[in-house]
């Protein structure tokens, strides 16, 4: 990522996900997800703490964070949940993922 603030945000978020019990997807899974997302009409700019990132305009998650996880700690649910695509037609990431 070119923007230093964006890079620090992504690193910090991924570290927190792992610390709270989430798991990361492998690079191949992230690449597949990136391809799916970039072809989706709901892919665009999202804003986290005033930082502009590319991501899902449905859920507001940056691709660089959500796309890199298989599971993450949900503050709203208070537990670790599986990462899914929120597309209204169903999970577009519904393919096998690998945990690291």
PDB file of N, CA and C in Angstrom:
ATOM      1  N   UNK A   1       0.844  -1.173   0.000  1.00  0.00           N
ATOM      2  CA  UNK A   1       0.000   0.000   0.000  1.00  0.00           C
ATOM      3  C   UNK A   1       0.890   1.236   0.000  1.00  0.00           C
ATOM      4  N   UNK A   2       0.517   2.218  -0.741  1.00  0.00           N
ATOM      5  CA  UNK A   2       1.325   3.411  -0.858  1.00  0.00           C
ATOM      6  C   UNK A   2       1.172   4.325   0.353  1.00  0.00           C
ATOM      7  N   UNK A   3      -0.022   4.430   0.899  1.00  0.00           N
ATOM      8  CA  UNK A   3      -0.299   5.318   2.003  1.00  0.00           C
ATOM      9  C   UNK A   3       0.196   4.711   3.313  1.00  0.00           C
ATOM     10  N   UNK A   4       1.075   5.419   4.019  1.00  0.00           N
ATOM     11  CA  UNK A   4       1.638   4.911   5.262  1.00  0.00           C
ATOM     12  C   UNK A   4       0.561   4.703   6.315  1.00  0.00           C
ATOM     13  N   UNK A   5      -0.393   5.625   6.422  1.00  0.00           N
ATOM     14  CA  UNK A   5      -1.479   5.477   7.389  1.00  0.00           C
ATOM     15  C   UNK A   5      -2.287   4.225   7.100  1.00  0.00           C
ATOM     16  N   UNK A   6      -2.574   3.974   5.850  1.00  0.00           N
ATOM     17  CA  UNK A   6      -3.333   2.788   5.460  1.00  0.00           C
ATOM     18  C   UNK A   6      -2.556   1.528   5.813  1.00  0.00           C
ATOM     19  N   UNK A   7      -1.278   1.514   5.510  1.00  0.00           N
ATOM     20  CA  UNK A   7      -0.432   0.353   5.789  1.00  0.00           C
ATOM     21  C   UNK A   7      -0.399   0.056   7.288  1.00  0.00           C
ATOM     22  N   UNK A   8      -0.227   1.081   8.093  1.00  0.00           N
ATOM     23  CA  UNK A   8      -0.193   0.893   9.544  1.00  0.00           C
ATOM     24  C   UNK A   8      -1.540   0.402  10.061  1.00  0.00           C
ATOM     25  N   UNK A   9      -2.627   0.918   9.502  1.00  0.00           N
ATOM     26  CA  UNK A   9      -3.959   0.484   9.911  1.00  0.00           C
ATOM     27  C   UNK A   9      -4.152  -1.002   9.616  1.00  0.00           C
ATOM     28  N   UNK A  10      -3.770  -1.426   8.410  1.00  0.00           N
ATOM     29  CA  UNK A  10      -3.927  -2.823   8.017  1.00  0.00           C
ATOM     30  C   UNK A  10      -3.102  -3.728   8.919  1.00  0.00           C
ATOM     31  N   UNK A  11      -1.838  -3.403   9.131  1.00  0.00           N
ATOM     32  CA  UNK A  11      -0.976  -4.210  10.002  1.00  0.00           C
ATOM     33  C   UNK A  11      -1.550  -4.303  11.412  1.00  0.00           C
ATOM     34  N   UNK A  12      -1.971  -3.198  11.943  1.00  0.00           N
ATOM     35  CA  UNK A  12      -2.518  -3.148  13.290  1.00  0.00           C
ATOM     36  C   UNK A  12      -3.804  -3.974  13.400  1.00  0.00           C
ATOM     37  N   UNK A  13      -4.666  -3.862  12.411  1.00  0.00           N
ATOM     38  CA  UNK A  13      -5.928  -4.604  12.434  1.00  0.00           C
ATOM     39  C   UNK A  13      -5.691  -6.101  12.352  1.00  0.00           C
ATOM     40  N   UNK A  14      -4.822  -6.530  11.458  1.00  0.00           N
ATOM     41  CA  UNK A  14      -4.541  -7.958  11.320  1.00  0.00           C
ATOM     42  C   UNK A  14      -3.930  -8.500  12.614  1.00  0.00           C
ATOM     43  N   UNK A  15      -3.035  -7.753  13.233  1.00  0.00           N
ATOM     44  CA  UNK A  15      -2.441  -8.184  14.498  1.00  0.00           C
ATOM     45  C   UNK A  15      -3.524  -8.352  15.569  1.00  0.00           C
ATOM     46  N   UNK A  16      -4.443  -7.419  15.653  1.00  0.00           N
ATOM     47  CA  UNK A  16      -5.517  -7.506  16.640  1.00  0.00           C
ATOM     48  C   UNK A  16      -6.415  -8.711  16.375  1.00  0.00           C
ATOM     49  N   UNK A  17      -6.699  -8.983  15.103  1.00  0.00           N
ATOM     50  CA  UNK A  17      -7.532 -10.134  14.742  1.00  0.00           C
ATOM     51  C   UNK A  17      -6.882 -11.422  15.239  1.00  0.00           C
ATOM     52  N   UNK A  18      -5.594 -11.554  15.001  1.00  0.00           N
ATOM     53  CA  UNK A  18      -4.877 -12.750  15.429  1.00  0.00           C
ATOM     54  C   UNK A  18      -4.844 -12.826  16.959  1.00  0.00           C
ATOM     55  N   UNK A  19      -4.569 -11.723  17.620  1.00  0.00           N
ATOM     56  CA  UNK A  19      -4.500 -11.714  19.082  1.00  0.00           C
ATOM     57  C   UNK A  19      -5.826 -12.104  19.721  1.00  0.00           C
ATOM     58  N   UNK A  20      -6.928 -11.776  19.086  1.00  0.00           N
ATOM     59  CA  UNK A  20      -8.244 -12.050  19.655  1.00  0.00           C
ATOM     60  C   UNK A  20      -8.799 -13.416  19.240  1.00  0.00           C
ATOM     61  N   UNK A  21      -7.990 -14.242  18.569  1.00  0.00           N
ATOM     62  CA  UNK A  21      -8.432 -15.595  18.251  1.00  0.00           C
ATOM     63  C   UNK A  21      -8.829 -15.819  16.809  1.00  0.00           C
ATOM     64  N   UNK A  22      -8.722 -14.821  15.980  1.00  0.00           N
ATOM     65  CA  UNK A  22      -9.025 -14.994  14.560  1.00  0.00           C
ATOM     66  C   UNK A  22      -7.919 -15.754  13.854  1.00  0.00           C
ATOM     67  N   UNK A  23      -8.198 -16.173  12.634  1.00  0.00           N
ATOM     68  CA  UNK A  23      -7.192 -16.885  11.841  1.00  0.00           C
ATOM     69  C   UNK A  23      -7.034 -16.215  10.486  1.00  0.00           C
ATOM     70  N   UNK A  24      -5.858 -16.335   9.922  1.00  0.00           N
ATOM     71  CA  UNK A  24      -5.554 -15.724   8.631  1.00  0.00           C
ATOM     72  C   UNK A  24      -5.750 -16.713   7.490  1.00  0.00           C
ATOM     73  N   UNK A  25      -6.141 -16.186   6.337  1.00  0.00           N
ATOM     74  CA  UNK A  25      -6.229 -16.974   5.113  1.00  0.00           C
ATOM     75  C   UNK A  25      -4.858 -17.003   4.454  1.00  0.00           C
ATOM     76  N   UNK A  26      -4.599 -18.033   3.668  1.00  0.00           N
ATOM     77  CA  UNK A  26      -3.330 -18.078   2.949  1.00  0.00           C
ATOM     78  C   UNK A  26      -3.362 -17.104   1.775  1.00  0.00           C
ATOM     79  N   UNK A  27      -2.219 -16.877   1.155  1.00  0.00           N
ATOM     80  CA  UNK A  27      -2.117 -15.909   0.058  1.00  0.00           C
ATOM     81  C   UNK A  27      -2.997 -16.280  -1.130  1.00  0.00           C
ATOM     82  N   UNK A  28      -3.096 -17.572  -1.451  1.00  0.00           N
ATOM     83  CA  UNK A  28      -3.917 -18.004  -2.585  1.00  0.00           C
ATOM     84  C   UNK A  28      -5.393 -17.673  -2.351  1.00  0.00           C
ATOM     85  N   UNK A  29      -5.857 -17.879  -1.128  1.00  0.00           N
ATOM     86  CA  UNK A  29      -7.249 -17.556  -0.798  1.00  0.00           C
ATOM     87  C   UNK A  29      -7.477 -16.056  -0.894  1.00  0.00           C
ATOM     88  N   UNK A  30      -6.541 -15.276  -0.379  1.00  0.00           N
ATOM     89  CA  UNK A  30      -6.672 -13.824  -0.465  1.00  0.00           C
ATOM     90  C   UNK A  30      -6.729 -13.378  -1.928  1.00  0.00           C
ATOM     91  N   UNK A  31      -5.900 -13.952  -2.769  1.00  0.00           N
ATOM     92  CA  UNK A  31      -5.899 -13.585  -4.186  1.00  0.00           C
ATOM     93  C   UNK A  31      -7.239 -13.924  -4.850  1.00  0.00           C
ATOM     94  N   UNK A  32      -7.807 -15.103  -4.543  1.00  0.00           N
ATOM     95  CA  UNK A  32      -9.119 -15.481  -5.089  1.00  0.00           C
ATOM     96  C   UNK A  32     -10.192 -14.498  -4.633  1.00  0.00           C
ATOM     97  N   UNK A  33     -10.165 -14.177  -3.363  1.00  0.00           N
ATOM     98  CA  UNK A  33     -11.136 -13.227  -2.825  1.00  0.00           C
ATOM     99  C   UNK A  33     -10.981 -11.862  -3.478  1.00  0.00           C
ATOM    100  N   UNK A  34      -9.754 -11.429  -3.685  1.00  0.00           N
ATOM    101  CA  UNK A  34      -9.499 -10.140  -4.332  1.00  0.00           C
ATOM    102  C   UNK A  34     -10.096 -10.100  -5.731  1.00  0.00           C
ATOM    103  N   UNK A  35      -9.917 -11.186  -6.480  1.00  0.00           N
ATOM    104  CA  UNK A  35     -10.484 -11.257  -7.830  1.00  0.00           C
ATOM    105  C   UNK A  35     -12.005 -11.144  -7.791  1.00  0.00           C
ATOM    106  N   UNK A  36     -12.624 -11.885  -6.880  1.00  0.00           N
ATOM    107  CA  UNK A  36     -14.081 -11.855  -6.747  1.00  0.00           C
ATOM    108  C   UNK A  36     -14.548 -10.443  -6.383  1.00  0.00           C
ATOM    109  N   UNK A  37     -13.913  -9.846  -5.404  1.00  0.00           N
ATOM    110  CA  UNK A  37     -14.322  -8.525  -4.925  1.00  0.00           C
ATOM    111  C   UNK A  37     -14.157  -7.446  -5.997  1.00  0.00           C
ATOM    112  N   UNK A  38     -13.043  -7.474  -6.684  1.00  0.00           N
ATOM    113  CA  UNK A  38     -12.771  -6.431  -7.671  1.00  0.00           C
ATOM    114  C   UNK A  38     -13.736  -6.485  -8.857  1.00  0.00           C
ATOM    115  N   UNK A  39     -14.394  -7.619  -9.063  1.00  0.00           N
ATOM    116  CA  UNK A  39     -15.385  -7.744 -10.136  1.00  0.00           C
ATOM    117  C   UNK A  39     -16.801  -7.403  -9.667  1.00  0.00           C
ATOM    118  N   UNK A  40     -16.969  -7.230  -8.372  1.00  0.00           N
ATOM    119  CA  UNK A  40     -18.284  -6.980  -7.787  1.00  0.00           C
ATOM    120  C   UNK A  40     -18.656  -5.497  -7.907  1.00  0.00           C
ATOM    121  N   UNK A  41     -19.919  -5.206  -8.259  1.00  0.00           N
ATOM    122  CA  UNK A  41     -20.344  -3.802  -8.335  1.00  0.00           C
ATOM    123  C   UNK A  41     -20.363  -3.103  -6.967  1.00  0.00           C
ATOM    124  N   UNK A  42     -20.281  -3.871  -5.887  1.00  0.00           N
ATOM    125  CA  UNK A  42     -20.274  -3.294  -4.542  1.00  0.00           C
ATOM    126  C   UNK A  42     -18.865  -3.041  -4.011  1.00  0.00           C
ATOM    127  N   UNK A  43     -17.856  -3.219  -4.852  1.00  0.00           N
ATOM    128  CA  UNK A  43     -16.474  -2.955  -4.463  1.00  0.00           C
ATOM    129  C   UNK A  43     -16.187  -1.484  -4.726  1.00  0.00           C
ATOM    130  N   UNK A  44     -15.600  -0.821  -3.752  1.00  0.00           N
ATOM    131  CA  UNK A  44     -15.307   0.597  -3.930  1.00  0.00           C
ATOM    132  C   UNK A  44     -14.503   1.143  -2.784  1.00  0.00           C
ATOM    133  N   UNK A  45     -14.694   2.407  -2.529  1.00  0.00           N
ATOM    134  CA  UNK A  45     -13.970   3.077  -1.456  1.00  0.00           C
ATOM    135  C   UNK A  45     -14.743   2.924  -0.143  1.00  0.00           C
ATOM    136  N   UNK A  46     -13.990   2.574   0.906  1.00  0.00           N
ATOM    137  CA  UNK A  46     -14.551   2.533   2.256  1.00  0.00           C
ATOM    138  C   UNK A  46     -13.660   3.406   3.131  1.00  0.00           C
ATOM    139  N   UNK A  47     -14.218   3.885   4.198  1.00  0.00           N
ATOM    140  CA  UNK A  47     -13.486   4.805   5.069  1.00  0.00           C
ATOM    141  C   UNK A  47     -13.474   4.268   6.491  1.00  0.00           C
ATOM    142  N   UNK A  48     -12.273   4.089   7.013  1.00  0.00           N
ATOM    143  CA  UNK A  48     -12.084   3.630   8.376  1.00  0.00           C
ATOM    144  C   UNK A  48     -11.250   4.685   9.096  1.00  0.00           C
ATOM    145  N   UNK A  49     -11.826   5.277  10.131  1.00  0.00           N
ATOM    146  CA  UNK A  49     -11.136   6.322  10.895  1.00  0.00           C
ATOM    147  C   UNK A  49     -10.588   7.417   9.980  1.00  0.00           C
ATOM    148  N   UNK A  50     -11.340   7.757   8.939  1.00  0.00           N
ATOM    149  CA  UNK A  50     -10.941   8.802   8.009  1.00  0.00           C
ATOM    150  C   UNK A  50      -9.942   8.371   6.957  1.00  0.00           C
ATOM    151  N   UNK A  51      -9.567   7.101   6.956  1.00  0.00           N
ATOM    152  CA  UNK A  51      -8.618   6.586   5.970  1.00  0.00           C
ATOM    153  C   UNK A  51      -9.403   5.946   4.837  1.00  0.00           C
ATOM    154  N   UNK A  52      -9.118   6.358   3.607  1.00  0.00           N
ATOM    155  CA  UNK A  52      -9.780   5.790   2.431  1.00  0.00           C
ATOM    156  C   UNK A  52      -9.065   4.520   1.994  1.00  0.00           C
ATOM    157  N   UNK A  53      -9.833   3.415   1.906  1.00  0.00           N
ATOM    158  CA  UNK A  53      -9.293   2.123   1.486  1.00  0.00           C
ATOM    159  C   UNK A  53     -10.239   1.497   0.477  1.00  0.00           C
ATOM    160  N   UNK A  54      -9.759   0.504  -0.258  1.00  0.00           N
ATOM    161  CA  UNK A  54     -10.614  -0.255  -1.159  1.00  0.00           C
ATOM    162  C   UNK A  54     -11.289  -1.360  -0.361  1.00  0.00           C
ATOM    163  N   UNK A  55     -12.581  -1.558  -0.612  1.00  0.00           N
ATOM    164  CA  UNK A  55     -13.259  -2.608   0.126  1.00  0.00           C
ATOM    165  C   UNK A  55     -14.704  -2.774  -0.275  1.00  0.00           C
ATOM    166  N   UNK A  56     -15.459  -3.404   0.592  1.00  0.00           N
ATOM    167  CA  UNK A  56     -16.854  -3.742   0.351  1.00  0.00           C
ATOM    168  C   UNK A  56     -17.752  -2.599   0.809  1.00  0.00           C
ATOM    169  N   UNK A  57     -18.536  -2.063  -0.107  1.00  0.00           N
ATOM    170  CA  UNK A  57     -19.433  -0.977   0.267  1.00  0.00           C
ATOM    171  C   UNK A  57     -20.700  -1.500   0.944  1.00  0.00           C
ATOM    172  N   UNK A  58     -20.886  -2.815   0.994  1.00  0.00           N
ATOM    173  CA  UNK A  58     -22.025  -3.385   1.720  1.00  0.00           C
ATOM    174  C   UNK A  58     -21.727  -3.399   3.217  1.00  0.00           C
ATOM    175  N   UNK A  59     -20.592  -4.012   3.580  1.00  0.00           N
ATOM    176  CA  UNK A  59     -20.270  -4.136   5.009  1.00  0.00           C
ATOM    177  C   UNK A  59     -19.297  -3.060   5.484  1.00  0.00           C
ATOM    178  N   UNK A  60     -18.625  -2.383   4.551  1.00  0.00           N
ATOM    179  CA  UNK A  60     -17.690  -1.326   4.926  1.00  0.00           C
ATOM    180  C   UNK A  60     -16.298  -1.812   5.296  1.00  0.00           C
ATOM    181  N   UNK A  61     -16.031  -3.108   5.091  1.00  0.00           N
ATOM    182  CA  UNK A  61     -14.729  -3.662   5.459  1.00  0.00           C
ATOM    183  C   UNK A  61     -13.708  -3.491   4.342  1.00  0.00           C
ATOM    184  N   UNK A  62     -12.479  -3.128   4.694  1.00  0.00           N
ATOM    185  CA  UNK A  62     -11.408  -3.068   3.704  1.00  0.00           C
ATOM    186  C   UNK A  62     -11.031  -4.474   3.238  1.00  0.00           C
ATOM    187  N   UNK A  63     -10.778  -4.622   1.955  1.00  0.00           N
ATOM    188  CA  UNK A  63     -10.359  -5.907   1.403  1.00  0.00           C
ATOM    189  C   UNK A  63      -9.078  -6.387   2.058  1.00  0.00           C
ATOM    190  N   UNK A  64      -8.150  -5.475   2.319  1.00  0.00           N
ATOM    191  CA  UNK A  64      -6.852  -5.854   2.898  1.00  0.00           C
ATOM    192  C   UNK A  64      -6.960  -6.452   4.289  1.00  0.00           C
ATOM    193  N   UNK A  65      -8.047  -6.204   4.998  1.00  0.00           N
ATOM    194  CA  UNK A  65      -8.192  -6.810   6.321  1.00  0.00           C
ATOM    195  C   UNK A  65      -9.155  -7.992   6.263  1.00  0.00           C
ATOM    196  N   UNK A  66     -10.387  -7.757   5.878  1.00  0.00           N
ATOM    197  CA  UNK A  66     -11.374  -8.844   5.878  1.00  0.00           C
ATOM    198  C   UNK A  66     -10.985  -9.956   4.918  1.00  0.00           C
ATOM    199  N   UNK A  67     -10.470  -9.589   3.753  1.00  0.00           N
ATOM    200  CA  UNK A  67     -10.086 -10.587   2.753  1.00  0.00           C
ATOM    201  C   UNK A  67      -8.947 -11.486   3.181  1.00  0.00           C
ATOM    202  N   UNK A  68      -8.188 -11.067   4.166  1.00  0.00           N
ATOM    203  CA  UNK A  68      -7.029 -11.840   4.633  1.00  0.00           C
ATOM    204  C   UNK A  68      -7.344 -12.742   5.827  1.00  0.00           C
ATOM    205  N   UNK A  69      -8.599 -12.761   6.261  1.00  0.00           N
ATOM    206  CA  UNK A  69      -8.930 -13.574   7.430  1.00  0.00           C
ATOM    207  C   UNK A  69      -9.893 -14.707   7.082  1.00  0.00           C
ATOM    208  N   UNK A  70      -9.773 -15.801   7.816  1.00  0.00           N
ATOM    209  CA  UNK A  70     -10.762 -16.884   7.743  1.00  0.00           C
ATOM    210  C   UNK A  70     -11.780 -16.721   8.865  1.00  0.00           C
ATOM    211  N   UNK A  71     -11.341 -16.106   9.956  1.00  0.00           N
ATOM    212  CA  UNK A  71     -12.226 -15.810  11.075  1.00  0.00           C
ATOM    213  C   UNK A  71     -11.671 -14.596  11.808  1.00  0.00           C
ATOM    214  N   UNK A  72     -12.560 -13.924  12.539  1.00  0.00           N
ATOM    215  CA  UNK A  72     -12.138 -12.737  13.273  1.00  0.00           C
ATOM    216  C   UNK A  72     -13.029 -12.549  14.495  1.00  0.00           C
ATOM    217  N   UNK A  73     -12.528 -11.778  15.455  1.00  0.00           N
ATOM    218  CA  UNK A  73     -13.304 -11.490  16.648  1.00  0.00           C
ATOM    219  C   UNK A  73     -14.257 -10.358  16.338  1.00  0.00           C
ATOM    220  N   UNK A  74     -15.549 -10.624  16.465  1.00  0.00           N
ATOM    221  CA  UNK A  74     -16.584  -9.625  16.228  1.00  0.00           C
ATOM    222  C   UNK A  74     -16.915  -8.913  17.531  1.00  0.00           C
ATOM    223  N   UNK A  75     -16.684  -7.610  17.551  1.00  0.00           N
ATOM    224  CA  UNK A  75     -17.010  -6.841  18.749  1.00  0.00           C
ATOM    225  C   UNK A  75     -18.512  -6.821  18.987  1.00  0.00           C
ATOM    226  N   UNK A  76     -19.306  -6.801  17.918  1.00  0.00           N
ATOM    227  CA  UNK A  76     -20.753  -6.747  18.086  1.00  0.00           C
ATOM    228  C   UNK A  76     -21.331  -8.078  18.565  1.00  0.00           C
ATOM    229  N   UNK A  77     -20.700  -9.201  18.191  1.00  0.00           N
ATOM    230  CA  UNK A  77     -21.186 -10.510  18.614  1.00  0.00           C
ATOM    231  C   UNK A  77     -20.444 -11.053  19.834  1.00  0.00           C
ATOM    232  N   UNK A  78     -19.292 -10.442  20.125  1.00  0.00           N
ATOM    233  CA  UNK A  78     -18.532 -10.849  21.294  1.00  0.00           C
ATOM    234  C   UNK A  78     -17.888 -12.218  21.183  1.00  0.00           C
ATOM    235  N   UNK A  79     -17.615 -12.642  19.954  1.00  0.00           N
ATOM    236  CA  UNK A  79     -16.992 -13.957  19.756  1.00  0.00           C
ATOM    237  C   UNK A  79     -16.312 -13.995  18.388  1.00  0.00           C
ATOM    238  N   UNK A  80     -15.533 -15.049  18.165  1.00  0.00           N
ATOM    239  CA  UNK A  80     -14.880 -15.251  16.878  1.00  0.00           C
ATOM    240  C   UNK A  80     -15.913 -15.813  15.907  1.00  0.00           C
ATOM    241  N   UNK A  81     -15.984 -15.232  14.714  1.00  0.00           N
ATOM    242  CA  UNK A  81     -16.903 -15.717  13.682  1.00  0.00           C
ATOM    243  C   UNK A  81     -16.143 -15.961  12.381  1.00  0.00           C
ATOM    244  N   UNK A  82     -16.701 -16.810  11.527  1.00  0.00           N
ATOM    245  CA  UNK A  82     -16.097 -17.074  10.229  1.00  0.00           C
ATOM    246  C   UNK A  82     -16.271 -15.862   9.313  1.00  0.00           C
ATOM    247  N   UNK A  83     -15.272 -15.608   8.514  1.00  0.00           N
ATOM    248  CA  UNK A  83     -15.319 -14.515   7.560  1.00  0.00           C
ATOM    249  C   UNK A  83     -16.101 -14.949   6.324  1.00  0.00           C
ATOM    250  N   UNK A  84     -17.070 -14.139   5.930  1.00  0.00           N
ATOM    251  CA  UNK A  84     -17.866 -14.414   4.736  1.00  0.00           C
ATOM    252  C   UNK A  84     -18.063 -13.139   3.943  1.00  0.00           C
ATOM    253  N   UNK A  85     -18.411 -13.304   2.694  1.00  0.00           N
ATOM    254  CA  UNK A  85     -18.785 -12.192   1.830  1.00  0.00           C
ATOM    255  C   UNK A  85     -20.247 -11.846   2.127  1.00  0.00           C
ATOM    256  N   UNK A  86     -20.568 -10.564   2.321  1.00  0.00           N
ATOM    257  CA  UNK A  86     -21.926 -10.184   2.696  1.00  0.00           C
ATOM    258  C   UNK A  86     -22.867  -9.913   1.512  1.00  0.00           C
ATOM    259  N   UNK A  87     -22.500 -10.335   0.313  1.00  0.00           N
ATOM    260  CA  UNK A  87     -23.315 -10.027  -0.868  1.00  0.00           C
ATOM    261  C   UNK A  87     -24.756 -10.497  -0.657  1.00  0.00           C
ATOM    262  N   UNK A  88     -25.738  -9.680  -1.050  1.00  0.00           N
ATOM    263  CA  UNK A  88     -27.145 -10.045  -0.847  1.00  0.00           C
ATOM    264  C   UNK A  88     -27.561 -11.338  -1.563  1.00  0.00           C
ATOM    265  N   UNK A  89     -26.850 -11.706  -2.614  1.00  0.00           N
ATOM    266  CA  UNK A  89     -27.160 -12.936  -3.348  1.00  0.00           C
ATOM    267  C   UNK A  89     -26.472 -14.158  -2.743  1.00  0.00           C
ATOM    268  N   UNK A  90     -25.711 -13.957  -1.690  1.00  0.00           N
ATOM    269  CA  UNK A  90     -25.003 -15.060  -1.038  1.00  0.00           C
ATOM    270  C   UNK A  90     -23.505 -14.835  -1.015  1.00  0.00           C
ATOM    271  N   UNK A  91     -22.839 -15.653  -0.236  1.00  0.00           N
ATOM    272  CA  UNK A  91     -21.396 -15.571  -0.030  1.00  0.00           C
ATOM    273  C   UNK A  91     -20.650 -15.868  -1.323  1.00  0.00           C
ATOM    274  N   UNK A  92     -20.041 -14.849  -1.908  1.00  0.00           N
ATOM    275  CA  UNK A  92     -19.272 -15.015  -3.156  1.00  0.00           C
ATOM    276  C   UNK A  92     -17.902 -15.634  -2.888  1.00  0.00           C
ATOM    277  N   UNK A  93     -17.527 -15.753  -1.614  1.00  0.00           N
ATOM    278  CA  UNK A  93     -16.259 -16.379  -1.236  1.00  0.00           C
ATOM    279  C   UNK A  93     -16.472 -17.825  -0.849  1.00  0.00           C
ATOM    280  N   UNK A  94     -17.537 -18.406  -1.244  1.00  0.00           N
ATOM    281  CA  UNK A  94     -17.890 -19.762  -0.813  1.00  0.00           C
ATOM    282  C   UNK A  94     -17.015 -20.794  -1.524  1.00  0.00           C
ATOM    283  N   UNK A  95     -15.735 -20.754  -1.233  1.00  0.00           N
ATOM    284  CA  UNK A  95     -14.792 -21.758  -1.705  1.00  0.00           C
ATOM    285  C   UNK A  95     -13.864 -22.090  -0.555  1.00  0.00           C
ATOM    286  N   UNK A  96     -13.225 -23.220  -0.627  1.00  0.00           N
ATOM    287  CA  UNK A  96     -12.377 -23.700   0.480  1.00  0.00           C
ATOM    288  C   UNK A  96     -11.262 -22.703   0.781  1.00  0.00           C
ATOM    289  N   UNK A  97     -11.074 -22.415   2.075  1.00  0.00           N
ATOM    290  CA  UNK A  97      -9.975 -21.551   2.515  1.00  0.00           C
ATOM    291  C   UNK A  97      -8.997 -22.370   3.327  1.00  0.00           C
ATOM    292  N   UNK A  98      -7.784 -21.885   3.407  1.00  0.00           N
ATOM    293  CA  UNK A  98      -6.728 -22.566   4.141  1.00  0.00           C
ATOM    294  C   UNK A  98      -6.286 -21.686   5.281  1.00  0.00           C
ATOM    295  N   UNK A  99      -6.145 -22.244   6.462  1.00  0.00           N
ATOM    296  CA  UNK A  99      -5.681 -21.474   7.622  1.00  0.00           C
ATOM    297  C   UNK A  99      -4.171 -21.569   7.718  1.00  0.00           C
ATOM    298  N   UNK A 100      -3.548 -20.466   8.158  1.00  0.00           N
ATOM    299  CA  UNK A 100      -2.093 -20.458   8.377  1.00  0.00           C
ATOM    300  C   UNK A 100      -1.807 -20.623   9.837  1.00  0.00           C
TER     301      UNK A 100
END
